PDB file of N, CA and C in Angstrom:
ATOM      1  N   MET A   1      68.796  37.312 102.155  1.00  0.00           N
ATOM      2  CA  MET A   1      69.350  38.020 103.300  1.00  0.00           C
ATOM      3  C   MET A   1      68.264  38.422 104.281  1.00  0.00           C
ATOM      4  N   GLY A   2      67.117  38.896 103.805  1.00  0.00           N
ATOM      5  CA  GLY A   2      66.049  39.378 104.675  1.00  0.00           C
ATOM      6  C   GLY A   2      65.561  38.325 105.645  1.00  0.00           C
ATOM      7  N   ARG A   3      65.242  37.144 105.135  1.00  0.00           N
ATOM      8  CA  ARG A   3      64.725  36.092 106.012  1.00  0.00           C
ATOM      9  C   ARG A   3      65.792  35.646 107.019  1.00  0.00           C
ATOM     10  N   ASN A   4      67.007  35.437 106.568  1.00  0.00           N
ATOM     11  CA  ASN A   4      68.078  35.046 107.478  1.00  0.00           C
ATOM     12  C   ASN A   4      68.375  36.133 108.497  1.00  0.00           C
ATOM     13  N   SER A   5      68.281  37.393 108.083  1.00  0.00           N
ATOM     14  CA  SER A   5      68.521  38.508 108.994  1.00  0.00           C
ATOM     15  C   SER A   5      67.508  38.500 110.117  1.00  0.00           C
ATOM     16  N   GLN A   6      66.252  38.224 109.798  1.00  0.00           N
ATOM     17  CA  GLN A   6      65.231  38.187 110.828  1.00  0.00           C
ATOM     18  C   GLN A   6      65.480  37.039 111.795  1.00  0.00           C
ATOM     19  N   ILE A   7      65.913  35.913 111.286  1.00  0.00           N
ATOM     20  CA  ILE A   7      66.223  34.784 112.152  1.00  0.00           C
ATOM     21  C   ILE A   7      67.371  35.155 113.087  1.00  0.00           C
ATOM     22  N   THR A   8      68.394  35.803 112.570  1.00  0.00           N
ATOM     23  CA  THR A   8      69.519  36.224 113.390  1.00  0.00           C
ATOM     24  C   THR A   8      69.068  37.184 114.478  1.00  0.00           C
ATOM     25  N   VAL A   9      68.237  38.159 114.123  1.00  0.00           N
ATOM     26  CA  VAL A   9      67.751  39.125 115.096  1.00  0.00           C
ATOM     27  C   VAL A   9      66.972  38.421 116.196  1.00  0.00           C
ATOM     28  N   THR A  10      66.138  37.452 115.834  1.00  0.00           N
ATOM     29  CA  THR A  10      65.370  36.716 116.831  1.00  0.00           C
ATOM     30  C   THR A  10      66.289  36.003 117.806  1.00  0.00           C
ATOM     31  N   ARG A  11      67.355  35.414 117.321  1.00  0.00           N
ATOM     32  CA  ARG A  11      68.296  34.725 118.209  1.00  0.00           C
ATOM     33  C   ARG A  11      69.033  35.706 119.108  1.00  0.00           C
ATOM     34  N   ILE A  12      69.436  36.830 118.576  1.00  0.00           N
ATOM     35  CA  ILE A  12      70.150  37.821 119.368  1.00  0.00           C
ATOM     36  C   ILE A  12      69.246  38.397 120.456  1.00  0.00           C
ATOM     37  N   ASP A  13      67.973  38.515 120.172  1.00  0.00           N
ATOM     38  CA  ASP A  13      67.007  39.123 121.084  1.00  0.00           C
ATOM     39  C   ASP A  13      67.075  38.556 122.502  1.00  0.00           C
ATOM     40  N   TYR A  14      67.339  37.299 122.649  1.00  0.00           N
ATOM     41  CA  TYR A  14      67.275  36.667 123.959  1.00  0.00           C
ATOM     42  C   TYR A  14      68.617  36.579 124.668  1.00  0.00           C
ATOM     43  N   SER A  15      69.617  37.156 124.128  1.00  0.00           N
ATOM     44  CA  SER A  15      70.947  37.080 124.717  1.00  0.00           C
ATOM     45  C   SER A  15      71.251  38.341 125.515  1.00  0.00           C
ATOM     46  N   ASN A  16      71.897  38.190 126.662  1.00  0.00           N
ATOM     47  CA  ASN A  16      72.322  39.331 127.464  1.00  0.00           C
ATOM     48  C   ASN A  16      73.783  39.687 127.217  1.00  0.00           C
ATOM     49  N   ASP A  17      74.391  39.027 126.279  1.00  0.00           N
ATOM     50  CA  ASP A  17      75.788  39.278 125.955  1.00  0.00           C
ATOM     51  C   ASP A  17      75.937  40.682 125.381  1.00  0.00           C
ATOM     52  N   GLU A  18      76.837  41.467 125.940  1.00  0.00           N
ATOM     53  CA  GLU A  18      77.007  42.854 125.512  1.00  0.00           C
ATOM     54  C   GLU A  18      77.377  42.972 124.035  1.00  0.00           C
ATOM     55  N   ARG A  19      78.098  42.005 123.521  1.00  0.00           N
ATOM     56  CA  ARG A  19      78.462  42.054 122.111  1.00  0.00           C
ATOM     57  C   ARG A  19      77.230  42.031 121.216  1.00  0.00           C
ATOM     58  N   THR A  20      76.169  41.394 121.646  1.00  0.00           N
ATOM     59  CA  THR A  20      74.983  41.359 120.804  1.00  0.00           C
ATOM     60  C   THR A  20      74.344  42.738 120.723  1.00  0.00           C
ATOM     61  N   THR A  21      74.430  43.517 121.780  1.00  0.00           N
ATOM     62  CA  THR A  21      73.926  44.887 121.713  1.00  0.00           C
ATOM     63  C   THR A  21      74.707  45.654 120.659  1.00  0.00           C
ATOM     64  N   GLU A  22      76.006  45.490 120.653  1.00  0.00           N
ATOM     65  CA  GLU A  22      76.833  46.153 119.645  1.00  0.00           C
ATOM     66  C   GLU A  22      76.456  45.687 118.244  1.00  0.00           C
ATOM     67  N   GLN A  23      76.211  44.401 118.094  1.00  0.00           N
ATOM     68  CA  GLN A  23      75.813  43.870 116.787  1.00  0.00           C
ATOM     69  C   GLN A  23      74.477  44.451 116.357  1.00  0.00           C
ATOM     70  N   LEU A  24      73.541  44.536 117.278  1.00  0.00           N
ATOM     71  CA  LEU A  24      72.238  45.094 116.947  1.00  0.00           C
ATOM     72  C   LEU A  24      72.347  46.568 116.560  1.00  0.00           C
ATOM     73  N   LEU A  25      73.121  47.316 117.320  1.00  0.00           N
ATOM     74  CA  LEU A  25      73.284  48.734 117.003  1.00  0.00           C
ATOM     75  C   LEU A  25      73.914  48.912 115.625  1.00  0.00           C
ATOM     76  N   ALA A  26      74.865  48.064 115.295  1.00  0.00           N
ATOM     77  CA  ALA A  26      75.478  48.115 113.964  1.00  0.00           C
ATOM     78  C   ALA A  26      74.461  47.745 112.885  1.00  0.00           C
ATOM     79  N   ALA A  27      73.567  46.799 113.185  1.00  0.00           N
ATOM     80  CA  ALA A  27      72.572  46.356 112.206  1.00  0.00           C
ATOM     81  C   ALA A  27      71.523  47.430 111.916  1.00  0.00           C
ATOM     82  N   LEU A  28      71.419  48.449 112.779  1.00  0.00           N
ATOM     83  CA  LEU A  28      70.504  49.553 112.489  1.00  0.00           C
ATOM     84  C   LEU A  28      70.935  50.311 111.235  1.00  0.00           C
ATOM     85  N   LYS A  29      72.161  50.097 110.788  1.00  0.00           N
ATOM     86  CA  LYS A  29      72.673  50.759 109.588  1.00  0.00           C
ATOM     87  C   LYS A  29      72.665  49.818 108.370  1.00  0.00           C
ATOM     88  N   SER A  30      72.010  48.682 108.511  1.00  0.00           N
ATOM     89  CA  SER A  30      71.927  47.708 107.422  1.00  0.00           C
ATOM     90  C   SER A  30      71.275  48.331 106.185  1.00  0.00           C
ATOM     91  N   HIS A  31      71.606  47.800 105.025  1.00  0.00           N
ATOM     92  CA  HIS A  31      70.957  48.245 103.785  1.00  0.00           C
ATOM     93  C   HIS A  31      69.549  47.658 103.668  1.00  0.00           C
ATOM     94  N   ASN A  32      69.262  46.646 104.461  1.00  0.00           N
ATOM     95  CA  ASN A  32      67.974  45.950 104.423  1.00  0.00           C
ATOM     96  C   ASN A  32      67.016  46.604 105.418  1.00  0.00           C
ATOM     97  N   TRP A  33      65.965  47.267 104.912  1.00  0.00           N
ATOM     98  CA  TRP A  33      65.048  47.985 105.801  1.00  0.00           C
ATOM     99  C   TRP A  33      64.261  47.044 106.714  1.00  0.00           C
ATOM    100  N   VAL A  34      63.999  45.825 106.262  1.00  0.00           N
ATOM    101  CA  VAL A  34      63.279  44.859 107.103  1.00  0.00           C
ATOM    102  C   VAL A  34      64.128  44.511 108.316  1.00  0.00           C
ATOM    103  N   GLU A  35      65.421  44.361 108.098  1.00  0.00           N
ATOM    104  CA  GLU A  35      66.328  44.083 109.206  1.00  0.00           C
ATOM    105  C   GLU A  35      66.383  45.269 110.164  1.00  0.00           C
ATOM    106  N   ARG A  36      66.478  46.493 109.622  1.00  0.00           N
ATOM    107  CA  ARG A  36      66.523  47.684 110.489  1.00  0.00           C
ATOM    108  C   ARG A  36      65.267  47.771 111.355  1.00  0.00           C
ATOM    109  N   ARG A  37      64.106  47.512 110.753  1.00  0.00           N
ATOM    110  CA  ARG A  37      62.847  47.548 111.511  1.00  0.00           C
ATOM    111  C   ARG A  37      62.841  46.476 112.603  1.00  0.00           C
ATOM    112  N   GLY A  38      63.272  45.270 112.275  1.00  0.00           N
ATOM    113  CA  GLY A  38      63.316  44.182 113.255  1.00  0.00           C
ATOM    114  C   GLY A  38      64.275  44.471 114.396  1.00  0.00           C
ATOM    115  N   VAL A  39      65.403  45.051 114.070  1.00  0.00           N
ATOM    116  CA  VAL A  39      66.391  45.396 115.090  1.00  0.00           C
ATOM    117  C   VAL A  39      65.836  46.482 116.019  1.00  0.00           C
ATOM    118  N   ALA A  40      65.166  47.473 115.461  1.00  0.00           N
ATOM    119  CA  ALA A  40      64.575  48.532 116.290  1.00  0.00           C
ATOM    120  C   ALA A  40      63.589  47.931 117.296  1.00  0.00           C
ATOM    121  N   GLN A  41      62.800  46.985 116.850  1.00  0.00           N
ATOM    122  CA  GLN A  41      61.841  46.335 117.734  1.00  0.00           C
ATOM    123  C   GLN A  41      62.562  45.502 118.793  1.00  0.00           C
ATOM    124  N   THR A  42      63.556  44.760 118.386  1.00  0.00           N
ATOM    125  CA  THR A  42      64.307  43.912 119.314  1.00  0.00           C
ATOM    126  C   THR A  42      64.969  44.740 120.398  1.00  0.00           C
ATOM    127  N   LEU A  43      65.552  45.869 120.032  1.00  0.00           N
ATOM    128  CA  LEU A  43      66.205  46.725 121.028  1.00  0.00           C
ATOM    129  C   LEU A  43      65.212  47.221 122.071  1.00  0.00           C
ATOM    130  N   ALA A  44      63.996  47.508 121.657  1.00  0.00           N
ATOM    131  CA  ALA A  44      62.972  47.952 122.616  1.00  0.00           C
ATOM    132  C   ALA A  44      62.620  46.823 123.577  1.00  0.00           C
ATOM    133  N   TYR A  45      62.458  45.627 123.064  1.00  0.00           N
ATOM    134  CA  TYR A  45      62.107  44.502 123.926  1.00  0.00           C
ATOM    135  C   TYR A  45      63.225  44.153 124.900  1.00  0.00           C
ATOM    136  N   ARG A  46      64.453  44.456 124.520  1.00  0.00           N
ATOM    137  CA  ARG A  46      65.574  44.202 125.426  1.00  0.00           C
ATOM    138  C   ARG A  46      65.681  45.279 126.489  1.00  0.00           C
ATOM    139  N   ALA A  47      64.955  46.391 126.309  1.00  0.00           N
ATOM    140  CA  ALA A  47      64.942  47.504 127.276  1.00  0.00           C
ATOM    141  C   ALA A  47      66.351  48.019 127.557  1.00  0.00           C
ATOM    142  N   ASP A  48      67.139  48.121 126.511  1.00  0.00           N
ATOM    143  CA  ASP A  48      68.521  48.569 126.634  1.00  0.00           C
ATOM    144  C   ASP A  48      68.579  50.064 126.328  1.00  0.00           C
ATOM    145  N   ARG A  49      68.836  50.864 127.343  1.00  0.00           N
ATOM    146  CA  ARG A  49      68.839  52.330 127.182  1.00  0.00           C
ATOM    147  C   ARG A  49      69.971  52.826 126.280  1.00  0.00           C
ATOM    148  N   SER A  50      70.961  51.995 126.033  1.00  0.00           N
ATOM    149  CA  SER A  50      72.026  52.423 125.118  1.00  0.00           C
ATOM    150  C   SER A  50      71.500  52.530 123.685  1.00  0.00           C
ATOM    151  N   ALA A  51      70.301  52.035 123.445  1.00  0.00           N
ATOM    152  CA  ALA A  51      69.714  52.087 122.103  1.00  0.00           C
ATOM    153  C   ALA A  51      68.984  53.398 121.824  1.00  0.00           C
ATOM    154  N   VAL A  52      68.790  54.238 122.837  1.00  0.00           N
ATOM    155  CA  VAL A  52      67.983  55.448 122.654  1.00  0.00           C
ATOM    156  C   VAL A  52      68.553  56.349 121.562  1.00  0.00           C
ATOM    157  N   GLU A  53      69.792  56.726 121.649  1.00  0.00           N
ATOM    158  CA  GLU A  53      70.372  57.636 120.648  1.00  0.00           C
ATOM    159  C   GLU A  53      70.368  57.028 119.245  1.00  0.00           C
ATOM    160  N   PRO A  54      70.785  55.757 119.067  1.00  0.00           N
ATOM    161  CA  PRO A  54      70.704  55.176 117.725  1.00  0.00           C
ATOM    162  C   PRO A  54      69.268  55.102 117.191  1.00  0.00           C
ATOM    163  N   LEU A  55      68.297  54.845 118.073  1.00  0.00           N
ATOM    164  CA  LEU A  55      66.903  54.828 117.626  1.00  0.00           C
ATOM    165  C   LEU A  55      66.431  56.232 117.241  1.00  0.00           C
ATOM    166  N   ILE A  56      66.904  57.235 117.957  1.00  0.00           N
ATOM    167  CA  ILE A  56      66.576  58.619 117.579  1.00  0.00           C
ATOM    168  C   ILE A  56      67.101  58.903 116.174  1.00  0.00           C
ATOM    169  N   GLU A  57      68.280  58.410 115.854  1.00  0.00           N
ATOM    170  CA  GLU A  57      68.823  58.577 114.497  1.00  0.00           C
ATOM    171  C   GLU A  57      67.926  57.909 113.456  1.00  0.00           C
ATOM    172  N   CYS A  58      67.272  56.816 113.829  1.00  0.00           N
ATOM    173  CA  CYS A  58      66.390  56.095 112.906  1.00  0.00           C
ATOM    174  C   CYS A  58      65.113  56.876 112.587  1.00  0.00           C
ATOM    175  N   LEU A  59      64.835  57.925 113.339  1.00  0.00           N
ATOM    176  CA  LEU A  59      63.643  58.729 113.056  1.00  0.00           C
ATOM    177  C   LEU A  59      63.730  59.414 111.697  1.00  0.00           C
ATOM    178  N   SER A  60      64.930  59.492 111.152  1.00  0.00           N
ATOM    179  CA  SER A  60      65.095  60.091 109.824  1.00  0.00           C
ATOM    180  C   SER A  60      65.327  59.031 108.741  1.00  0.00           C
ATOM    181  N   ASP A  61      65.036  57.774 109.053  1.00  0.00           N
ATOM    182  CA  ASP A  61      65.204  56.692 108.079  1.00  0.00           C
ATOM    183  C   ASP A  61      64.325  56.952 106.856  1.00  0.00           C
ATOM    184  N   SER A  62      64.787  56.523 105.697  1.00  0.00           N
ATOM    185  CA  SER A  62      64.042  56.745 104.458  1.00  0.00           C
ATOM    186  C   SER A  62      62.782  55.877 104.363  1.00  0.00           C
ATOM    187  N   LYS A  63      62.735  54.795 105.105  1.00  0.00           N
ATOM    188  CA  LYS A  63      61.578  53.895 105.069  1.00  0.00           C
ATOM    189  C   LYS A  63      60.614  54.210 106.217  1.00  0.00           C
ATOM    190  N   PRO A  64      59.347  54.467 105.906  1.00  0.00           N
ATOM    191  CA  PRO A  64      58.386  54.782 106.963  1.00  0.00           C
ATOM    192  C   PRO A  64      58.199  53.646 107.968  1.00  0.00           C
ATOM    193  N   GLN A  65      58.360  52.410 107.519  1.00  0.00           N
ATOM    194  CA  GLN A  65      58.211  51.271 108.425  1.00  0.00           C
ATOM    195  C   GLN A  65      59.281  51.292 109.515  1.00  0.00           C
ATOM    196  N   VAL A  66      60.486  51.697 109.143  1.00  0.00           N
ATOM    197  CA  VAL A  66      61.585  51.780 110.107  1.00  0.00           C
ATOM    198  C   VAL A  66      61.353  52.960 111.042  1.00  0.00           C
ATOM    199  N   ARG A  67      60.942  54.099 110.481  1.00  0.00           N
ATOM    200  CA  ARG A  67      60.644  55.272 111.321  1.00  0.00           C
ATOM    201  C   ARG A  67      59.555  54.953 112.335  1.00  0.00           C
ATOM    202  N   ASP A  68      58.464  54.326 111.872  1.00  0.00           N
ATOM    203  CA  ASP A  68      57.363  53.993 112.777  1.00  0.00           C
ATOM    204  C   ASP A  68      57.826  53.084 113.905  1.00  0.00           C
ATOM    205  N   GLN A  69      58.630  52.077 113.569  1.00  0.00           N
ATOM    206  CA  GLN A  69      59.107  51.165 114.613  1.00  0.00           C
ATOM    207  C   GLN A  69      60.066  51.870 115.563  1.00  0.00           C
ATOM    208  N   ALA A  70      60.907  52.745 115.046  1.00  0.00           N
ATOM    209  CA  ALA A  70      61.813  53.510 115.913  1.00  0.00           C
ATOM    210  C   ALA A  70      61.010  54.378 116.876  1.00  0.00           C
ATOM    211  N   ILE A  71      59.948  55.000 116.378  1.00  0.00           N
ATOM    212  CA  ILE A  71      59.088  55.823 117.232  1.00  0.00           C
ATOM    213  C   ILE A  71      58.502  54.980 118.357  1.00  0.00           C
ATOM    214  N   LEU A  72      57.908  53.851 117.990  1.00  0.00           N
ATOM    215  CA  LEU A  72      57.276  52.995 118.996  1.00  0.00           C
ATOM    216  C   LEU A  72      58.306  52.417 119.966  1.00  0.00           C
ATOM    217  N   SER A  73      59.467  52.062 119.455  1.00  0.00           N
ATOM    218  CA  SER A  73      60.524  51.520 120.319  1.00  0.00           C
ATOM    219  C   SER A  73      61.001  52.559 121.331  1.00  0.00           C
ATOM    220  N   LEU A  74      61.121  53.801 120.897  1.00  0.00           N
ATOM    221  CA  LEU A  74      61.505  54.864 121.825  1.00  0.00           C
ATOM    222  C   LEU A  74      60.456  55.027 122.920  1.00  0.00           C
ATOM    223  N   GLY A  75      59.186  54.939 122.554  1.00  0.00           N
ATOM    224  CA  GLY A  75      58.133  55.002 123.553  1.00  0.00           C
ATOM    225  C   GLY A  75      58.206  53.843 124.527  1.00  0.00           C
ATOM    226  N   MET A  76      58.470  52.650 124.011  1.00  0.00           N
ATOM    227  CA  MET A  76      58.578  51.472 124.870  1.00  0.00           C
ATOM    228  C   MET A  76      59.740  51.604 125.854  1.00  0.00           C
ATOM    229  N   LEU A  77      60.836  52.192 125.399  1.00  0.00           N
ATOM    230  CA  LEU A  77      61.990  52.372 126.285  1.00  0.00           C
ATOM    231  C   LEU A  77      61.696  53.395 127.372  1.00  0.00           C
ATOM    232  N   GLY A  78      60.824  54.357 127.078  1.00  0.00           N
ATOM    233  CA  GLY A  78      60.388  55.319 128.091  1.00  0.00           C
ATOM    234  C   GLY A  78      61.450  56.289 128.566  1.00  0.00           C
ATOM    235  N   ASP A  79      62.468  56.491 127.790  1.00  0.00           N
ATOM    236  CA  ASP A  79      63.563  57.370 128.183  1.00  0.00           C
ATOM    237  C   ASP A  79      63.233  58.812 127.809  1.00  0.00           C
ATOM    238  N   LYS A  80      63.437  59.720 128.731  1.00  0.00           N
ATOM    239  CA  LYS A  80      63.084  61.129 128.513  1.00  0.00           C
ATOM    240  C   LYS A  80      63.905  61.800 127.417  1.00  0.00           C
ATOM    241  N   ARG A  81      65.044  61.231 127.055  1.00  0.00           N
ATOM    242  CA  ARG A  81      65.835  61.790 125.954  1.00  0.00           C
ATOM    243  C   ARG A  81      65.071  61.739 124.630  1.00  0.00           C
ATOM    244  N   ALA A  82      64.077  60.880 124.552  1.00  0.00           N
ATOM    245  CA  ALA A  82      63.319  60.725 123.307  1.00  0.00           C
ATOM    246  C   ALA A  82      62.179  61.732 123.172  1.00  0.00           C
ATOM    247  N   ILE A  83      61.864  62.454 124.232  1.00  0.00           N
ATOM    248  CA  ILE A  83      60.691  63.340 124.202  1.00  0.00           C
ATOM    249  C   ILE A  83      60.782  64.384 123.093  1.00  0.00           C
ATOM    250  N   GLU A  84      61.827  65.169 123.070  1.00  0.00           N
ATOM    251  CA  GLU A  84      61.937  66.237 122.066  1.00  0.00           C
ATOM    252  C   GLU A  84      61.950  65.685 120.635  1.00  0.00           C
ATOM    253  N   PRO A  85      62.745  64.649 120.350  1.00  0.00           N
ATOM    254  CA  PRO A  85      62.703  64.103 118.987  1.00  0.00           C
ATOM    255  C   PRO A  85      61.323  63.565 118.605  1.00  0.00           C
ATOM    256  N   LEU A  86      60.618  62.975 119.564  1.00  0.00           N
ATOM    257  CA  LEU A  86      59.273  62.475 119.260  1.00  0.00           C
ATOM    258  C   LEU A  86      58.294  63.623 119.038  1.00  0.00           C
ATOM    259  N   ILE A  87      58.422  64.685 119.812  1.00  0.00           N
ATOM    260  CA  ILE A  87      57.579  65.859 119.606  1.00  0.00           C
ATOM    261  C   ILE A  87      57.804  66.415 118.200  1.00  0.00           C
ATOM    262  N   ALA A  88      59.055  66.419 117.765  1.00  0.00           N
ATOM    263  CA  ALA A  88      59.375  66.920 116.422  1.00  0.00           C
ATOM    264  C   ALA A  88      58.695  66.096 115.334  1.00  0.00           C
ATOM    265  N   MET A  89      58.360  64.849 115.621  1.00  0.00           N
ATOM    266  CA  MET A  89      57.725  63.987 114.626  1.00  0.00           C
ATOM    267  C   MET A  89      56.282  64.400 114.330  1.00  0.00           C
ATOM    268  N   PHE A  90      55.697  65.269 115.176  1.00  0.00           N
ATOM    269  CA  PHE A  90      54.349  65.762 114.906  1.00  0.00           C
ATOM    270  C   PHE A  90      54.299  66.572 113.613  1.00  0.00           C
ATOM    271  N   SER A  91      55.437  67.093 113.169  1.00  0.00           N
ATOM    272  CA  SER A  91      55.454  67.879 111.932  1.00  0.00           C
ATOM    273  C   SER A  91      55.248  67.000 110.699  1.00  0.00           C
ATOM    274  N   ASN A  92      55.406  65.691 110.845  1.00  0.00           N
ATOM    275  CA  ASN A  92      55.188  64.756 109.748  1.00  0.00           C
ATOM    276  C   ASN A  92      53.847  64.050 109.984  1.00  0.00           C
ATOM    277  N   PRO A  93      52.830  64.356 109.187  1.00  0.00           N
ATOM    278  CA  PRO A  93      51.509  63.761 109.401  1.00  0.00           C
ATOM    279  C   PRO A  93      51.519  62.229 109.397  1.00  0.00           C
ATOM    280  N   GLU A  94      52.448  61.638 108.660  1.00  0.00           N
ATOM    281  CA  GLU A  94      52.534  60.177 108.618  1.00  0.00           C
ATOM    282  C   GLU A  94      53.041  59.591 109.933  1.00  0.00           C
ATOM    283  N   CYS A  95      53.706  60.403 110.750  1.00  0.00           N
ATOM    284  CA  CYS A  95      54.311  59.920 111.987  1.00  0.00           C
ATOM    285  C   CYS A  95      53.589  60.385 113.246  1.00  0.00           C
ATOM    286  N   ALA A  96      52.695  61.341 113.110  1.00  0.00           N
ATOM    287  CA  ALA A  96      52.091  61.978 114.283  1.00  0.00           C
ATOM    288  C   ALA A  96      51.348  60.991 115.180  1.00  0.00           C
ATOM    289  N   TYR A  97      50.593  60.077 114.591  1.00  0.00           N
ATOM    290  CA  TYR A  97      49.835  59.115 115.406  1.00  0.00           C
ATOM    291  C   TYR A  97      50.773  58.267 116.265  1.00  0.00           C
ATOM    292  N   HIS A  98      51.787  57.686 115.631  1.00  0.00           N
ATOM    293  CA  HIS A  98      52.725  56.843 116.376  1.00  0.00           C
ATOM    294  C   HIS A  98      53.507  57.660 117.401  1.00  0.00           C
ATOM    295  N   ALA A  99      53.839  58.898 117.055  1.00  0.00           N
ATOM    296  CA  ALA A  99      54.562  59.766 117.996  1.00  0.00           C
ATOM    297  C   ALA A  99      53.703  60.046 119.232  1.00  0.00           C
ATOM    298  N   ALA A 100      52.429  60.326 119.028  1.00  0.00           N
ATOM    299  CA  ALA A 100      51.527  60.566 120.166  1.00  0.00           C
ATOM    300  C   ALA A 100      51.413  59.319 121.027  1.00  0.00           C
ATOM    301  N   ARG A 101      51.285  58.196 120.379  1.00  0.00           N
ATOM    302  CA  ARG A 101      51.203  56.923 121.111  1.00  0.00           C
ATOM    303  C   ARG A 101      52.475  56.672 121.924  1.00  0.00           C
ATOM    304  N   ALA A 102      53.623  56.860 121.300  1.00  0.00           N
ATOM    305  CA  ALA A 102      54.900  56.638 121.985  1.00  0.00           C
ATOM    306  C   ALA A 102      55.080  57.605 123.151  1.00  0.00           C
ATOM    307  N   LEU A 103      54.729  58.867 122.927  1.00  0.00           N
ATOM    308  CA  LEU A 103      54.855  59.855 124.007  1.00  0.00           C
ATOM    309  C   LEU A 103      53.945  59.520 125.182  1.00  0.00           C
ATOM    310  N   SER A 104      52.810  58.923 124.914  1.00  0.00           N
ATOM    311  CA  SER A 104      51.898  58.572 126.005  1.00  0.00           C
ATOM    312  C   SER A 104      52.492  57.501 126.926  1.00  0.00           C
ATOM    313  N   TRP A 105      53.474  56.764 126.431  1.00  0.00           N
ATOM    314  CA  TRP A 105      54.115  55.728 127.244  1.00  0.00           C
ATOM    315  C   TRP A 105      55.255  56.280 128.098  1.00  0.00           C
ATOM    316  N   ILE A 106      55.685  57.500 127.802  1.00  0.00           N
ATOM    317  CA  ILE A 106      56.790  58.107 128.552  1.00  0.00           C
ATOM    318  C   ILE A 106      56.197  58.951 129.670  1.00  0.00           C
ATOM    319  N   ARG A 107      56.560  58.646 130.881  1.00  0.00           N
ATOM    320  CA  ARG A 107      56.013  59.348 132.043  1.00  0.00           C
ATOM    321  C   ARG A 107      56.770  60.651 132.271  1.00  0.00           C
ATOM    322  N   SER A 108      56.153  61.760 131.834  1.00  0.00           N
ATOM    323  CA  SER A 108      56.783  63.057 132.017  1.00  0.00           C
ATOM    324  C   SER A 108      55.758  64.160 131.807  1.00  0.00           C
ATOM    325  N   ARG A 109      55.836  65.203 132.596  1.00  0.00           N
ATOM    326  CA  ARG A 109      54.937  66.345 132.418  1.00  0.00           C
ATOM    327  C   ARG A 109      55.224  67.072 131.110  1.00  0.00           C
ATOM    328  N   THR A 110      56.424  66.959 130.609  1.00  0.00           N
ATOM    329  CA  THR A 110      56.811  67.607 129.359  1.00  0.00           C
ATOM    330  C   THR A 110      55.967  67.101 128.191  1.00  0.00           C
ATOM    331  N   VAL A 111      55.416  65.913 128.319  1.00  0.00           N
ATOM    332  CA  VAL A 111      54.695  65.271 127.233  1.00  0.00           C
ATOM    333  C   VAL A 111      53.255  65.772 127.102  1.00  0.00           C
ATOM    334  N   VAL A 112      52.641  66.233 128.168  1.00  0.00           N
ATOM    335  CA  VAL A 112      51.212  66.543 128.166  1.00  0.00           C
ATOM    336  C   VAL A 112      50.836  67.601 127.130  1.00  0.00           C
ATOM    337  N   LYS A 113      51.511  68.712 127.072  1.00  0.00           N
ATOM    338  CA  LYS A 113      51.160  69.783 126.136  1.00  0.00           C
ATOM    339  C   LYS A 113      51.263  69.333 124.672  1.00  0.00           C
ATOM    340  N   PRO A 114      52.372  68.701 124.246  1.00  0.00           N
ATOM    341  CA  PRO A 114      52.435  68.246 122.848  1.00  0.00           C
ATOM    342  C   PRO A 114      51.328  67.260 122.502  1.00  0.00           C
ATOM    343  N   LEU A 115      50.944  66.411 123.437  1.00  0.00           N
ATOM    344  CA  LEU A 115      49.868  65.464 123.160  1.00  0.00           C
ATOM    345  C   LEU A 115      48.548  66.184 122.962  1.00  0.00           C
ATOM    346  N   ASN A 116      48.307  67.217 123.750  1.00  0.00           N
ATOM    347  CA  ASN A 116      47.087  68.008 123.586  1.00  0.00           C
ATOM    348  C   ASN A 116      47.080  68.711 122.232  1.00  0.00           C
ATOM    349  N   ILE A 117      48.219  69.250 121.845  1.00  0.00           N
ATOM    350  CA  ILE A 117      48.338  69.915 120.543  1.00  0.00           C
ATOM    351  C   ILE A 117      48.093  68.896 119.436  1.00  0.00           C
ATOM    352  N   GLY A 118      48.675  67.708 119.578  1.00  0.00           N
ATOM    353  CA  GLY A 118      48.507  66.656 118.572  1.00  0.00           C
ATOM    354  C   GLY A 118      47.059  66.234 118.436  1.00  0.00           C
ATOM    355  N   ILE A 119      46.330  66.217 119.523  1.00  0.00           N
ATOM    356  CA  ILE A 119      44.927  65.830 119.482  1.00  0.00           C
ATOM    357  C   ILE A 119      44.093  66.898 118.787  1.00  0.00           C
ATOM    358  N   GLU A 120      44.444  68.170 118.963  1.00  0.00           N
ATOM    359  CA  GLU A 120      43.683  69.256 118.352  1.00  0.00           C
ATOM    360  C   GLU A 120      43.866  69.323 116.840  1.00  0.00           C
ATOM    361  N   VAL A 121      44.986  68.845 116.347  1.00  0.00           N
ATOM    362  CA  VAL A 121      45.301  68.932 114.911  1.00  0.00           C
ATOM    363  C   VAL A 121      44.421  68.084 114.086  1.00  0.00           C
TER     364      VAL A 121
END
């Protein structure tokens, strides 16, 4: 399933069909963590803002690989709705580096103070 899932995600990545966005969002709930991570990355590359809230939900994924990709994908999307959830990720030392990196990609004055705090830690 894992290898085929990645192939499917790669094919969906290049389609502008709205149904594929729905399929990708549904795949974020897959039992396969490799698929969830791949889907999180694909959604960022598609620059689809409808993925922001589902990616925020992925910040609590049980697999660190999925959480890290969700963090980076939120940064790539650059949507201000992700700022507060990304700031909250500083409380997890395993996520702080990626959260700081992702926040640096979001253009907002709200981001400057948390980044300074993250650097001091």
